[in-house]
Amino acid sequence: MTTNHLFEHLSTPMILIDLSGKIQALNKQARELLNDVDLAISTDLFALLEKEGFKCQPDAFQPLLTRVQCGENQKLSIERRNGQCFTLHFISNESSIIVEILQENADSLKMKLFDYMIDRIPTKMIFYKDQQNIYRYANLAYVKSFHLTHQDELIGLTDEDLFNRKIISPIVYYQCIRGDEEAHSEGEYLEVEYIEGAYYQIFKKKVGDGIFGIVKDVTEEIIGKQEAECDVITMLQNRKALLKVLNAVPKDTEYYAIGILLDNLGEVARHKGVEYAHQCLGQVSYFVKEYQEILFFYLEGIGFIGLLDKIKGDLEQFRQSIEADISKQNFPTDLKLSTIAIKVDQDSAKKFPLPNRHK
């Protein structure tokens, strides 16, 4: 059976052209698409498409044909003046070229638009995994984070496949599995993870049976926080400033420290969102600022640590008085707080602020 006869049995519009772009044969579907053109044979394909209402750019055709002649199959998206969109598949066929014409439906056009927009957000890496944690979508930024060059190299694989192929390390593989498990069980996962010398904010949300994920490189933000001495949310001095104060404690001088620890702020952020967690943090920071006699610092991931040189009564009574004040506040009920009170001298300052917590 010749190529011409084979074309007639296909439901897709097919055109056979020579290496210069001249039409050699069309099947029935192609003739109908091009308004049953009887004199199309030996006509230049691109001139014919332009005549039949397709928006063409002739300058792009010759380089495309050259690549096909070298054995590289090509795709070309074109639009008709009536708004219909088509994709032309150019397939090398020895001394000729097969052109398959596919009309785009609304869903495929939306997906192309989605891809176009997402791939132009280089700061965000986006992916979707199905119920079996198989990658079904990934934008180019996410693909390149694995040192891959195209989505096809990732789609259809799992993180286990990437680990077995030594594309990701055991630590990254563990972090991926842990995040997926929590997203499946809890509905969401939000953490900042340290991966290969950089910090990434990982957000995973259960969507249907799969997981939708957004990854953002926050290395500059984290380093900026580490170098700064003031927390941008609470506007209190941070860990770096506290360590400076502790290192400057004179020998044989004793201070007292009161800690108001945020026991589950990370959990609150995962379940109710980062903005809600920041509101909780703001309420507690407003409360600690009311203590004029105590110099409070905010330590991210721990809570509020206050320093003072005098206390009324013994240390435990002082801690209980702070706890009593906390109980009078209208803090969110889902935010769990605990308190500690310790003496701080030059020796204990070296280990501070990681004391045993008082629950």
Protein backbone atom coordinates (compact mmCIF):
# COMPACT_ATOMS: atom_id res chain seq x y z
CA MET A 1 0.00 0.00 0.00
CA THR A 2 1.45 3.41 -1.01
CA THR A 3 1.68 6.35 1.36
CA ASN A 4 -1.09 8.09 -0.59
CA HIS A 5 -3.47 5.15 -0.15
CA LEU A 6 -2.56 4.82 3.52
CA PHE A 7 -3.41 8.48 4.11
CA GLU A 8 -6.97 7.96 2.82
CA HIS A 9 -7.67 5.52 5.67
CA LEU A 10 -6.62 7.99 8.39
CA SER A 11 -9.09 10.25 10.22
CA THR A 12 -6.49 13.00 10.74
CA PRO A 13 -5.73 15.54 7.98
CA MET A 14 -2.45 14.42 6.38
CA ILE A 15 -0.36 16.08 3.70
CA LEU A 16 2.74 14.75 1.95
CA ILE A 17 5.22 17.41 0.81
CA ASP A 18 8.61 17.25 -0.86
CA LEU A 19 11.75 18.61 0.76
CA SER A 20 11.14 22.08 -0.68
CA GLY A 21 7.62 22.29 0.78
CA LYS A 22 5.63 21.50 -2.37
CA ILE A 23 2.49 19.37 -1.87
CA GLN A 24 2.63 15.84 -3.30
CA ALA A 25 -0.58 14.38 -1.85
CA LEU A 26 -3.49 15.14 0.51
CA ASN A 27 -5.99 12.80 2.12
CA LYS A 28 -9.75 13.43 2.25
CA GLN A 29 -9.65 15.13 5.66
CA ALA A 30 -6.92 17.53 4.51
CA ARG A 31 -8.87 18.42 1.35
CA GLU A 32 -11.96 19.16 3.45
CA LEU A 33 -9.95 21.29 5.87
CA LEU A 34 -8.50 23.25 2.95
CA ASN A 35 -11.93 23.67 1.30
CA ASP A 36 -11.54 20.74 -1.14
CA VAL A 37 -8.72 22.35 -3.09
CA ASP A 38 -8.39 20.42 -6.38
CA LEU A 39 -5.34 22.24 -7.65
CA ALA A 40 -3.28 21.87 -4.48
CA ILE A 41 -0.77 19.37 -5.90
CA SER A 42 2.65 20.99 -6.49
CA THR A 43 1.46 24.09 -4.63
CA ASP A 44 3.69 25.42 -1.86
CA LEU A 45 2.16 24.24 1.44
CA PHE A 46 2.72 27.47 3.31
CA ALA A 47 1.40 29.63 0.48
CA LEU A 48 -1.72 27.47 0.39
CA LEU A 49 -2.22 27.69 4.16
CA GLU A 50 -1.93 31.48 4.00
CA LYS A 51 -4.45 31.60 1.15
CA GLU A 52 -6.92 29.48 3.16
CA GLY A 53 -6.92 31.85 6.10
CA PHE A 54 -4.05 30.56 8.28
CA LYS A 55 -1.76 33.13 9.90
CA CYS A 56 1.67 32.09 8.64
CA GLN A 57 5.17 33.45 8.99
CA PRO A 58 6.97 32.35 5.80
CA ASP A 59 10.43 33.24 7.15
CA ALA A 60 10.14 30.47 9.78
CA PHE A 61 9.29 27.68 7.34
CA GLN A 62 12.59 27.12 5.54
CA PRO A 63 14.67 26.66 8.75
CA LEU A 64 11.95 24.29 9.99
CA LEU A 65 12.11 22.20 6.78
CA THR A 66 15.90 22.12 7.02
CA ARG A 67 15.71 20.66 10.54
CA VAL A 68 13.21 18.03 9.39
CA GLN A 69 15.50 17.07 6.52
CA CYS A 70 18.21 16.44 9.14
CA GLY A 71 15.91 13.91 10.84
CA GLU A 72 14.47 16.20 13.55
CA ASN A 73 10.68 16.00 13.67
CA GLN A 74 9.15 19.44 14.28
CA LYS A 75 5.92 21.00 15.57
CA LEU A 76 4.41 24.31 14.49
CA SER A 77 1.38 26.01 16.06
CA ILE A 78 -0.70 28.18 13.72
CA GLU A 79 -4.02 29.98 13.99
CA ARG A 80 -6.74 30.48 11.43
CA ARG A 81 -8.28 33.91 11.06
CA ASN A 82 -11.57 32.55 12.45
CA GLY A 83 -9.80 31.84 15.76
CA GLN A 84 -9.28 28.08 15.30
CA CYS A 85 -5.85 26.84 16.40
CA PHE A 86 -3.91 23.95 14.86
CA THR A 87 -0.64 22.12 15.42
CA LEU A 88 1.31 20.89 12.41
CA HIS A 89 3.54 17.85 13.03
CA PHE A 90 6.36 17.56 10.46
CA ILE A 91 7.71 14.00 10.23
CA SER A 92 10.76 13.07 8.17
CA ASN A 93 9.98 10.36 5.56
CA GLU A 94 13.12 9.72 3.48
CA SER A 95 12.79 11.95 0.38
CA SER A 96 9.55 13.57 1.55
CA ILE A 97 7.92 15.01 4.66
CA ILE A 98 4.63 13.94 6.24
CA VAL A 99 2.57 16.77 7.73
CA GLU A 100 -0.12 15.84 10.26
CA ILE A 101 -2.62 18.59 11.11
CA LEU A 102 -4.23 18.49 14.57
CA GLN A 103 -6.89 20.94 15.70
CA GLU A 104 -6.48 22.14 19.27
CA ASN A 105 -9.47 21.81 21.61
CA ALA A 106 -10.29 24.27 24.39
CA ASP A 107 -8.65 22.17 27.12
CA SER A 108 -5.35 21.81 25.28
CA LEU A 109 -5.30 25.56 24.55
CA LYS A 110 -5.87 26.33 28.23
CA MET A 111 -3.03 23.98 29.15
CA LYS A 112 -0.69 25.65 26.68
CA LEU A 113 -1.60 29.06 28.06
CA PHE A 114 -1.07 27.74 31.60
CA ASP A 115 2.35 26.36 30.64
CA TYR A 116 3.29 29.65 28.97
CA MET A 117 2.37 31.68 32.05
CA ILE A 118 3.89 29.30 34.61
CA ASP A 119 7.19 28.96 32.74
CA ARG A 120 7.54 32.74 32.94
CA ILE A 121 7.56 32.68 36.75
CA PRO A 122 11.21 31.65 37.25
CA THR A 123 11.10 32.18 41.02
CA LYS A 124 8.38 29.56 41.53
CA MET A 125 8.78 25.85 40.86
CA ILE A 126 5.43 24.12 40.37
CA PHE A 127 4.49 20.45 40.04
CA TYR A 128 1.64 17.99 40.36
CA LYS A 129 1.85 14.33 41.42
CA ASP A 130 -0.95 11.79 41.17
CA GLN A 131 -2.15 9.38 43.87
CA GLN A 132 0.90 7.14 43.32
CA ASN A 133 3.21 10.20 43.62
CA ILE A 134 4.01 10.03 39.91
CA TYR A 135 4.88 13.39 38.38
CA ARG A 136 2.11 14.41 35.95
CA TYR A 137 3.07 18.06 35.56
CA ALA A 138 6.12 20.20 36.25
CA ASN A 139 7.08 23.63 35.01
CA LEU A 140 10.50 24.23 33.52
CA ALA A 141 11.91 25.88 36.65
CA TYR A 142 11.11 22.77 38.72
CA VAL A 143 12.57 20.45 36.07
CA LYS A 144 15.81 22.45 35.96
CA SER A 145 16.14 22.15 39.75
CA PHE A 146 16.93 18.46 39.10
CA HIS A 147 19.52 19.47 36.47
CA LEU A 148 17.19 18.17 33.74
CA THR A 149 16.41 20.11 30.56
CA HIS A 150 12.88 19.15 29.56
CA GLN A 151 9.59 18.16 31.22
CA ASP A 152 9.54 14.85 29.37
CA GLU A 153 12.57 13.74 31.41
CA LEU A 154 10.55 14.03 34.64
CA ILE A 155 6.90 13.33 33.76
CA GLY A 156 5.95 9.72 34.54
CA LEU A 157 8.66 9.27 37.18
CA THR A 158 8.46 9.18 40.98
CA ASP A 159 10.95 10.55 43.50
CA GLU A 160 12.02 6.95 44.07
CA ASP A 161 12.89 6.72 40.36
CA LEU A 162 14.91 9.93 40.65
CA PHE A 163 16.73 8.52 43.70
CA ASN A 164 17.46 5.20 41.96
CA ARG A 165 18.85 7.09 38.97
CA LYS A 166 21.01 9.18 41.34
CA ILE A 167 19.32 12.41 40.25
CA ILE A 168 18.47 13.27 43.87
CA SER A 169 20.35 12.47 47.07
CA PRO A 170 19.06 10.23 49.90
CA ILE A 171 18.35 13.33 52.02
CA VAL A 172 16.29 15.02 49.29
CA TYR A 173 14.45 11.74 48.67
CA TYR A 174 13.58 11.49 52.37
CA GLN A 175 12.36 15.11 52.42
CA CYS A 176 10.16 14.48 49.36
CA ILE A 177 8.61 11.35 50.88
CA ARG A 178 8.03 13.02 54.26
CA GLY A 179 6.34 16.02 52.67
CA ASP A 180 4.13 13.85 50.43
CA GLU A 181 3.02 11.68 53.35
CA GLU A 182 2.03 14.72 55.43
CA ALA A 183 0.21 16.34 52.49
CA HIS A 184 -1.77 13.13 51.88
CA SER A 185 -2.63 12.65 55.56
CA GLU A 186 -3.03 16.25 56.75
CA GLY A 187 -4.09 17.95 53.53
CA GLU A 188 -1.12 20.35 53.47
CA TYR A 189 2.63 20.50 54.04
CA LEU A 190 4.60 23.72 54.54
CA GLU A 191 8.26 23.78 55.54
CA VAL A 192 11.55 25.49 54.74
CA GLU A 193 14.06 22.82 53.73
CA TYR A 194 17.83 23.08 53.27
CA ILE A 195 18.80 21.35 50.01
CA GLU A 196 22.25 21.34 48.42
CA GLY A 197 23.38 24.63 49.94
CA ALA A 198 20.12 26.55 49.47
CA TYR A 199 16.91 27.13 51.42
CA TYR A 200 13.57 26.29 49.79
CA GLN A 201 10.04 26.95 51.01
CA ILE A 202 8.06 23.81 50.15
CA PHE A 203 4.27 24.00 49.96
CA LYS A 204 2.26 20.88 49.11
CA LYS A 205 -1.52 20.68 49.06
CA LYS A 206 -3.73 17.67 48.49
CA VAL A 207 -5.84 18.29 45.38
CA GLY A 208 -8.19 15.44 44.53
CA ASP A 209 -6.15 12.27 44.93
CA GLY A 210 -2.87 13.96 44.05
CA ILE A 211 -0.53 16.66 45.37
CA PHE A 212 -0.07 20.16 43.97
CA GLY A 213 3.26 21.68 44.96
CA ILE A 214 4.96 25.08 44.88
CA VAL A 215 8.65 25.46 45.68
CA LYS A 216 10.34 28.84 46.17
CA ASP A 217 14.03 29.56 46.69
CA VAL A 218 14.17 31.66 49.87
CA THR A 219 17.93 31.53 50.38
CA GLU A 220 18.40 35.31 50.15
CA GLU A 221 15.54 35.91 52.59
CA ILE A 222 16.92 33.40 55.11
CA ILE A 223 20.47 34.76 54.89
CA GLY A 224 19.09 38.29 55.17
CA LYS A 225 17.27 37.33 58.38
CA GLN A 226 20.40 35.67 59.75
CA GLU A 227 22.49 38.79 59.09
CA ALA A 228 19.87 41.22 60.43
CA GLU A 229 19.45 41.85 64.15
CA CYS A 230 15.74 42.76 64.04
CA ASP A 231 12.84 40.44 63.21
CA VAL A 232 10.65 41.99 60.49
CA ILE A 233 7.35 40.55 61.80
CA THR A 234 7.59 41.22 65.56
CA MET A 235 10.00 44.19 65.23
CA LEU A 236 11.91 42.76 68.19
CA GLN A 237 15.61 42.06 68.26
CA ASN A 238 16.37 38.53 67.07
CA ARG A 239 18.65 35.60 67.89
CA LYS A 240 21.77 37.30 66.55
CA ALA A 241 21.20 40.33 68.78
CA LEU A 242 20.49 38.09 71.80
CA LEU A 243 23.74 36.16 71.34
CA LYS A 244 25.66 39.44 71.25
CA VAL A 245 24.12 40.45 74.57
CA LEU A 246 24.82 37.07 76.14
CA ASN A 247 28.42 37.08 74.97
CA ALA A 248 28.82 40.47 76.61
CA VAL A 249 27.59 39.31 80.03
CA PRO A 250 30.41 40.25 82.46
CA LYS A 251 32.04 37.52 84.49
CA ASP A 252 30.40 36.89 87.86
CA THR A 253 27.30 38.79 86.71
CA GLU A 254 23.97 37.00 86.83
CA TYR A 255 20.90 37.64 84.70
CA TYR A 256 17.49 36.05 84.54
CA ALA A 257 15.74 34.87 81.42
CA ILE A 258 12.05 34.28 80.89
CA GLY A 259 10.95 32.33 77.84
CA ILE A 260 7.48 32.35 76.26
CA LEU A 261 7.71 29.41 73.88
CA LEU A 262 5.54 28.95 70.80
CA ASP A 263 5.04 25.21 70.99
CA ASN A 264 3.00 24.68 67.82
CA LEU A 265 3.31 27.78 65.63
CA GLY A 266 4.57 25.68 62.71
CA GLU A 267 1.59 23.35 63.00
CA VAL A 268 -0.78 26.33 63.12
CA ALA A 269 0.83 27.72 59.94
CA ARG A 270 0.43 24.40 58.14
CA HIS A 271 -3.24 24.04 59.06
CA LYS A 272 -4.48 27.64 58.96
CA GLY A 273 -1.96 29.40 56.76
CA VAL A 274 1.14 31.54 57.21
CA GLU A 275 -0.83 34.80 57.40
CA TYR A 276 -2.90 33.50 60.34
CA ALA A 277 0.29 32.31 62.08
CA HIS A 278 1.80 35.77 61.63
CA GLN A 279 -1.30 37.29 63.24
CA CYS A 280 -0.86 34.97 66.24
CA LEU A 281 2.80 35.95 66.43
CA GLY A 282 1.86 39.62 66.32
CA GLN A 283 -0.56 39.24 69.24
CA VAL A 284 2.05 37.61 71.46
CA SER A 285 4.73 40.13 70.48
CA TYR A 286 2.37 43.00 71.39
CA PHE A 287 1.89 41.34 74.80
CA VAL A 288 5.62 40.96 75.58
CA LYS A 289 6.31 44.59 74.62
CA GLU A 290 4.11 45.65 77.55
CA TYR A 291 6.84 44.45 79.93
CA GLN A 292 8.98 47.60 80.03
CA GLU A 293 11.41 46.14 82.59
CA ILE A 294 12.19 43.06 80.45
CA LEU A 295 14.26 43.17 77.26
CA PHE A 296 12.54 40.66 74.96
CA PHE A 297 14.02 39.03 71.85
CA TYR A 298 12.23 36.91 69.25
CA LEU A 299 13.89 33.63 68.27
CA GLU A 300 12.33 32.13 65.16
CA GLY A 301 11.32 28.52 65.75
CA ILE A 302 11.45 28.91 69.56
CA GLY A 303 9.54 31.95 70.81
CA PHE A 304 10.21 35.02 72.94
CA ILE A 305 13.18 35.25 75.32
CA GLY A 306 13.33 38.12 77.81
CA LEU A 307 16.36 39.20 79.88
CA LEU A 308 16.32 41.13 83.14
CA ASP A 309 18.67 41.62 86.10
CA LYS A 310 16.14 41.61 88.95
CA ILE A 311 13.07 39.58 89.84
CA LYS A 312 10.49 39.75 92.62
CA GLY A 313 10.42 36.55 94.65
CA ASP A 314 12.06 33.35 93.52
CA LEU A 315 12.49 32.21 89.93
CA GLU A 316 9.51 29.82 89.91
CA GLN A 317 7.16 32.45 91.34
CA PHE A 318 8.31 34.85 88.65
CA ARG A 319 7.60 32.29 85.93
CA GLN A 320 4.15 31.60 87.38
CA SER A 321 3.34 35.33 87.42
CA ILE A 322 4.19 35.58 83.70
CA GLU A 323 2.07 32.48 83.00
CA ALA A 324 -0.84 34.02 84.92
CA ASP A 325 -0.60 37.16 82.79
CA ILE A 326 -0.64 35.03 79.63
CA SER A 327 -3.79 33.22 80.77
CA LYS A 328 -5.60 36.57 80.98
CA GLN A 329 -4.90 37.35 77.33
CA ASN A 330 -7.29 36.60 74.49
CA PHE A 331 -4.79 34.60 72.46
CA PRO A 332 -6.10 32.15 69.81
CA THR A 333 -7.08 28.88 71.49
CA ASP A 334 -5.25 26.78 68.92
CA LEU A 335 -1.91 28.45 69.74
CA LYS A 336 -0.08 26.56 72.49
CA LEU A 337 2.31 28.50 74.73
CA SER A 338 4.60 27.37 77.52
CA THR A 339 7.04 29.22 79.76
CA ILE A 340 10.52 28.80 81.22
CA ALA A 341 12.58 30.85 83.68
CA ILE A 342 16.31 30.35 84.24
CA LYS A 343 19.39 32.08 85.57
CA VAL A 344 21.93 33.16 82.95
CA ASP A 345 25.60 33.67 83.73
CA GLN A 346 28.67 33.65 81.50
CA ASP A 347 28.90 29.83 81.50
CA SER A 348 25.23 29.06 80.89
CA ALA A 349 25.09 31.74 78.17
CA LYS A 350 27.19 29.47 75.97
CA LYS A 351 24.41 26.86 75.96
CA PHE A 352 21.52 29.29 75.92
CA PRO A 353 18.75 29.34 74.65
CA LEU A 354 18.13 25.58 74.64
CA PRO A 355 17.06 24.82 78.21
CA ASN A 356 14.56 22.16 79.28
CA ARG A 357 11.07 23.45 78.61
CA HIS A 358 8.50 23.84 81.33
CA LYS A 359 5.15 22.63 79.96
